């Protein structure tokens, strides 16, 4: 079963949906050894891709989409869930 995570950065007004195994996600640990949480947060895990995209949209960040590296929006079907 796939797991999905949302990375939210409110300084850059950005949210990205990742597959857990993505090198940028690492199951919600990101790419750094330590995490301050001052300007960003990991949300998850989510077992349902649609639910992850819906919750990401509810965060209301200006730039919300699937990660370009792991491309969770291309898994299972090609429809976009975030306008």
N, C-alpha and C. Protein backbone atom coordinates (compact mmCIF):
# COMPACT_ATOMS: atom_id res chain seq x y z
N UNK A 1 0.84 -1.18 0.00
CA UNK A 1 0.00 0.00 0.00
C UNK A 1 0.89 1.25 0.00
N UNK A 2 0.54 2.21 -0.83
CA UNK A 2 1.28 3.47 -0.92
C UNK A 2 0.90 4.37 0.25
N UNK A 3 1.87 5.17 0.69
CA UNK A 3 1.62 6.21 1.68
C UNK A 3 1.95 7.55 1.05
N UNK A 4 1.18 8.55 1.42
CA UNK A 4 1.35 9.90 0.90
C UNK A 4 1.56 10.87 2.05
N UNK A 5 2.38 11.87 1.81
CA UNK A 5 2.66 12.92 2.80
C UNK A 5 2.50 14.27 2.13
N UNK A 6 2.13 15.26 2.92
CA UNK A 6 2.04 16.64 2.44
C UNK A 6 3.11 17.45 3.16
N UNK A 7 3.92 18.15 2.39
CA UNK A 7 4.89 19.08 2.96
C UNK A 7 4.31 20.48 2.79
N UNK A 8 4.15 21.19 3.90
CA UNK A 8 3.62 22.56 3.86
C UNK A 8 4.70 23.53 4.32
N UNK A 9 4.93 24.57 3.53
CA UNK A 9 5.87 25.63 3.89
C UNK A 9 5.12 26.94 3.79
N UNK A 10 4.76 27.52 4.94
CA UNK A 10 3.95 28.73 4.90
C UNK A 10 4.78 29.97 4.60
N UNK A 11 6.11 29.93 4.74
CA UNK A 11 6.95 31.06 4.35
C UNK A 11 6.90 31.25 2.84
N UNK A 12 6.97 30.15 2.11
CA UNK A 12 6.94 30.19 0.64
C UNK A 12 5.53 29.96 0.09
N UNK A 13 4.55 29.80 0.97
CA UNK A 13 3.14 29.58 0.59
C UNK A 13 3.01 28.41 -0.38
N UNK A 14 3.59 27.28 0.03
CA UNK A 14 3.70 26.12 -0.85
C UNK A 14 3.27 24.85 -0.12
N UNK A 15 2.65 23.95 -0.85
CA UNK A 15 2.35 22.61 -0.35
C UNK A 15 2.66 21.61 -1.45
N UNK A 16 3.32 20.52 -1.09
CA UNK A 16 3.66 19.47 -2.05
C UNK A 16 3.20 18.12 -1.50
N UNK A 17 2.60 17.34 -2.37
CA UNK A 17 2.19 16.00 -2.01
C UNK A 17 3.26 15.04 -2.51
N UNK A 18 3.72 14.15 -1.61
CA UNK A 18 4.80 13.22 -1.91
C UNK A 18 4.38 11.79 -1.63
N UNK A 19 4.99 10.87 -2.34
CA UNK A 19 4.96 9.47 -1.96
C UNK A 19 5.96 9.30 -0.82
N UNK A 20 5.68 8.44 0.13
CA UNK A 20 6.55 8.26 1.30
C UNK A 20 7.98 7.93 0.90
N UNK A 21 8.16 7.16 -0.16
CA UNK A 21 9.50 6.74 -0.56
C UNK A 21 10.28 7.79 -1.36
N UNK A 22 9.68 8.94 -1.63
CA UNK A 22 10.36 10.01 -2.36
C UNK A 22 11.59 10.49 -1.59
N UNK A 23 12.65 10.78 -2.30
CA UNK A 23 13.89 11.24 -1.65
C UNK A 23 13.71 12.60 -0.95
N UNK A 24 12.71 13.36 -1.36
CA UNK A 24 12.44 14.64 -0.70
C UNK A 24 11.55 14.47 0.53
N UNK A 25 10.89 13.34 0.65
CA UNK A 25 9.94 13.09 1.74
C UNK A 25 10.52 12.21 2.85
N UNK A 26 11.02 11.03 2.47
CA UNK A 26 11.55 10.09 3.46
C UNK A 26 10.56 9.83 4.60
N UNK A 27 9.34 9.48 4.21
CA UNK A 27 8.26 9.19 5.17
C UNK A 27 8.03 10.33 6.16
N UNK A 28 8.01 11.55 5.64
CA UNK A 28 7.72 12.72 6.45
C UNK A 28 8.89 13.28 7.23
N UNK A 29 10.09 12.79 6.98
CA UNK A 29 11.28 13.30 7.66
C UNK A 29 12.01 14.34 6.82
N UNK A 30 11.69 14.43 5.54
CA UNK A 30 12.33 15.40 4.67
C UNK A 30 13.77 15.05 4.35
N UNK A 31 14.54 16.06 3.97
CA UNK A 31 15.92 15.85 3.55
C UNK A 31 16.94 16.26 4.60
N UNK A 32 16.50 16.86 5.69
CA UNK A 32 17.43 17.32 6.72
C UNK A 32 17.40 16.43 7.94
N UNK A 33 18.53 16.36 8.62
CA UNK A 33 18.63 15.51 9.81
C UNK A 33 17.76 16.04 10.95
N UNK A 34 17.67 17.36 11.06
CA UNK A 34 16.83 17.94 12.11
C UNK A 34 15.80 18.86 11.47
N UNK A 35 14.74 19.11 12.19
CA UNK A 35 13.64 19.91 11.65
C UNK A 35 13.14 20.85 12.73
N UNK A 36 13.21 22.17 12.48
CA UNK A 36 12.81 23.15 13.49
C UNK A 36 11.30 23.33 13.56
N UNK A 37 10.60 23.18 12.43
CA UNK A 37 9.16 23.38 12.41
C UNK A 37 8.74 24.84 12.49
N UNK A 38 9.68 25.76 12.32
CA UNK A 38 9.36 27.18 12.42
C UNK A 38 8.58 27.71 11.22
N UNK A 39 8.83 27.16 10.05
CA UNK A 39 8.14 27.67 8.86
C UNK A 39 7.56 26.57 7.98
N UNK A 40 7.57 25.35 8.48
CA UNK A 40 7.06 24.25 7.66
C UNK A 40 6.57 23.11 8.54
N UNK A 41 5.82 22.20 7.89
CA UNK A 41 5.27 21.07 8.62
C UNK A 41 4.99 19.93 7.64
N UNK A 42 5.20 18.71 8.10
CA UNK A 42 4.81 17.52 7.36
C UNK A 42 3.47 17.04 7.90
N UNK A 43 2.53 16.72 7.00
CA UNK A 43 1.22 16.18 7.37
C UNK A 43 1.14 14.77 6.83
N UNK A 44 0.74 13.83 7.65
CA UNK A 44 0.58 12.47 7.17
C UNK A 44 1.02 11.47 8.20
N UNK A 45 1.03 10.22 7.79
CA UNK A 45 0.83 9.70 6.44
C UNK A 45 -0.66 9.51 6.11
N UNK A 46 -0.92 9.45 4.81
CA UNK A 46 -2.26 9.20 4.28
C UNK A 46 -2.18 7.96 3.40
N UNK A 47 -3.13 7.08 3.54
CA UNK A 47 -3.13 5.87 2.71
C UNK A 47 -3.91 6.07 1.42
N UNK A 48 -4.68 7.14 1.34
CA UNK A 48 -5.49 7.42 0.16
C UNK A 48 -4.97 8.67 -0.56
N UNK A 49 -4.60 8.51 -1.81
CA UNK A 49 -4.04 9.61 -2.60
C UNK A 49 -5.03 10.76 -2.72
N UNK A 50 -6.28 10.46 -3.00
CA UNK A 50 -7.31 11.49 -3.15
C UNK A 50 -7.45 12.31 -1.88
N UNK A 51 -7.42 11.63 -0.75
CA UNK A 51 -7.55 12.32 0.54
C UNK A 51 -6.36 13.27 0.76
N UNK A 52 -5.15 12.85 0.41
CA UNK A 52 -3.97 13.70 0.55
C UNK A 52 -4.10 14.95 -0.31
N UNK A 53 -4.55 14.80 -1.55
CA UNK A 53 -4.72 15.97 -2.42
C UNK A 53 -5.82 16.90 -1.91
N UNK A 54 -6.89 16.33 -1.39
CA UNK A 54 -7.99 17.15 -0.86
C UNK A 54 -7.53 17.94 0.37
N UNK A 55 -6.80 17.29 1.27
CA UNK A 55 -6.30 18.00 2.45
C UNK A 55 -5.28 19.06 2.08
N UNK A 56 -4.43 18.78 1.10
CA UNK A 56 -3.46 19.77 0.65
C UNK A 56 -4.17 21.02 0.12
N UNK A 57 -5.25 20.83 -0.61
CA UNK A 57 -6.02 21.96 -1.14
C UNK A 57 -6.62 22.79 0.00
N UNK A 58 -7.02 22.13 1.08
CA UNK A 58 -7.61 22.83 2.23
C UNK A 58 -6.59 23.66 3.01
N UNK A 59 -5.30 23.41 2.79
CA UNK A 59 -4.27 24.21 3.45
C UNK A 59 -4.21 25.63 2.88
N UNK A 60 -4.78 25.82 1.69
CA UNK A 60 -4.89 27.12 1.03
C UNK A 60 -3.55 27.82 0.80
N UNK A 61 -2.55 27.06 0.41
CA UNK A 61 -1.28 27.66 0.02
C UNK A 61 -1.36 28.05 -1.45
N UNK A 62 -0.66 29.12 -1.84
CA UNK A 62 -0.73 29.63 -3.22
C UNK A 62 -0.22 28.62 -4.25
N UNK A 63 0.77 27.83 -3.89
CA UNK A 63 1.41 26.90 -4.82
C UNK A 63 1.26 25.48 -4.27
N UNK A 64 0.21 24.79 -4.69
CA UNK A 64 -0.09 23.44 -4.20
C UNK A 64 -0.14 22.47 -5.37
N UNK A 65 0.69 21.43 -5.30
CA UNK A 65 0.70 20.42 -6.36
C UNK A 65 1.49 19.20 -5.90
N UNK A 66 1.47 18.18 -6.73
CA UNK A 66 2.25 16.98 -6.46
C UNK A 66 3.72 17.24 -6.73
N UNK A 67 4.56 16.51 -6.04
CA UNK A 67 6.01 16.61 -6.22
C UNK A 67 6.39 16.25 -7.66
N UNK A 68 7.31 17.01 -8.23
CA UNK A 68 7.76 16.74 -9.60
C UNK A 68 8.68 15.53 -9.66
N UNK A 69 9.27 15.13 -8.55
CA UNK A 69 10.20 14.00 -8.52
C UNK A 69 9.44 12.67 -8.45
N UNK A 70 8.55 12.53 -7.48
CA UNK A 70 7.85 11.24 -7.31
C UNK A 70 6.50 11.21 -8.02
N UNK A 71 6.00 12.35 -8.45
CA UNK A 71 4.79 12.48 -9.27
C UNK A 71 3.59 11.68 -8.76
N UNK A 72 3.13 11.94 -7.51
CA UNK A 72 1.98 11.18 -7.01
C UNK A 72 0.71 11.45 -7.80
N UNK A 73 0.62 12.58 -8.49
CA UNK A 73 -0.56 12.89 -9.28
C UNK A 73 -0.68 11.98 -10.50
N UNK A 74 0.39 11.31 -10.87
CA UNK A 74 0.37 10.42 -12.03
C UNK A 74 0.12 8.97 -11.65
N UNK A 75 0.02 8.68 -10.37
CA UNK A 75 -0.20 7.30 -9.93
C UNK A 75 -1.69 6.98 -9.98
N UNK A 76 -2.02 5.78 -10.32
CA UNK A 76 -3.40 5.26 -10.37
C UNK A 76 -4.22 5.84 -11.51
N UNK A 77 -4.28 7.14 -11.64
CA UNK A 77 -4.98 7.74 -12.78
C UNK A 77 -4.41 9.12 -13.04
N UNK A 78 -4.75 9.71 -14.15
CA UNK A 78 -4.14 10.96 -14.58
C UNK A 78 -4.92 12.20 -14.23
N UNK A 79 -6.04 12.06 -13.54
CA UNK A 79 -6.85 13.25 -13.28
C UNK A 79 -6.25 14.10 -12.17
N UNK A 80 -6.36 15.40 -12.30
CA UNK A 80 -5.88 16.33 -11.29
C UNK A 80 -6.97 16.52 -10.25
N UNK A 81 -6.56 16.49 -8.99
CA UNK A 81 -7.52 16.65 -7.91
C UNK A 81 -7.44 18.03 -7.27
N UNK A 82 -6.47 18.83 -7.66
CA UNK A 82 -6.32 20.16 -7.11
C UNK A 82 -6.42 21.15 -8.25
N UNK A 83 -7.36 22.08 -8.15
CA UNK A 83 -7.53 23.08 -9.22
C UNK A 83 -6.44 24.12 -9.18
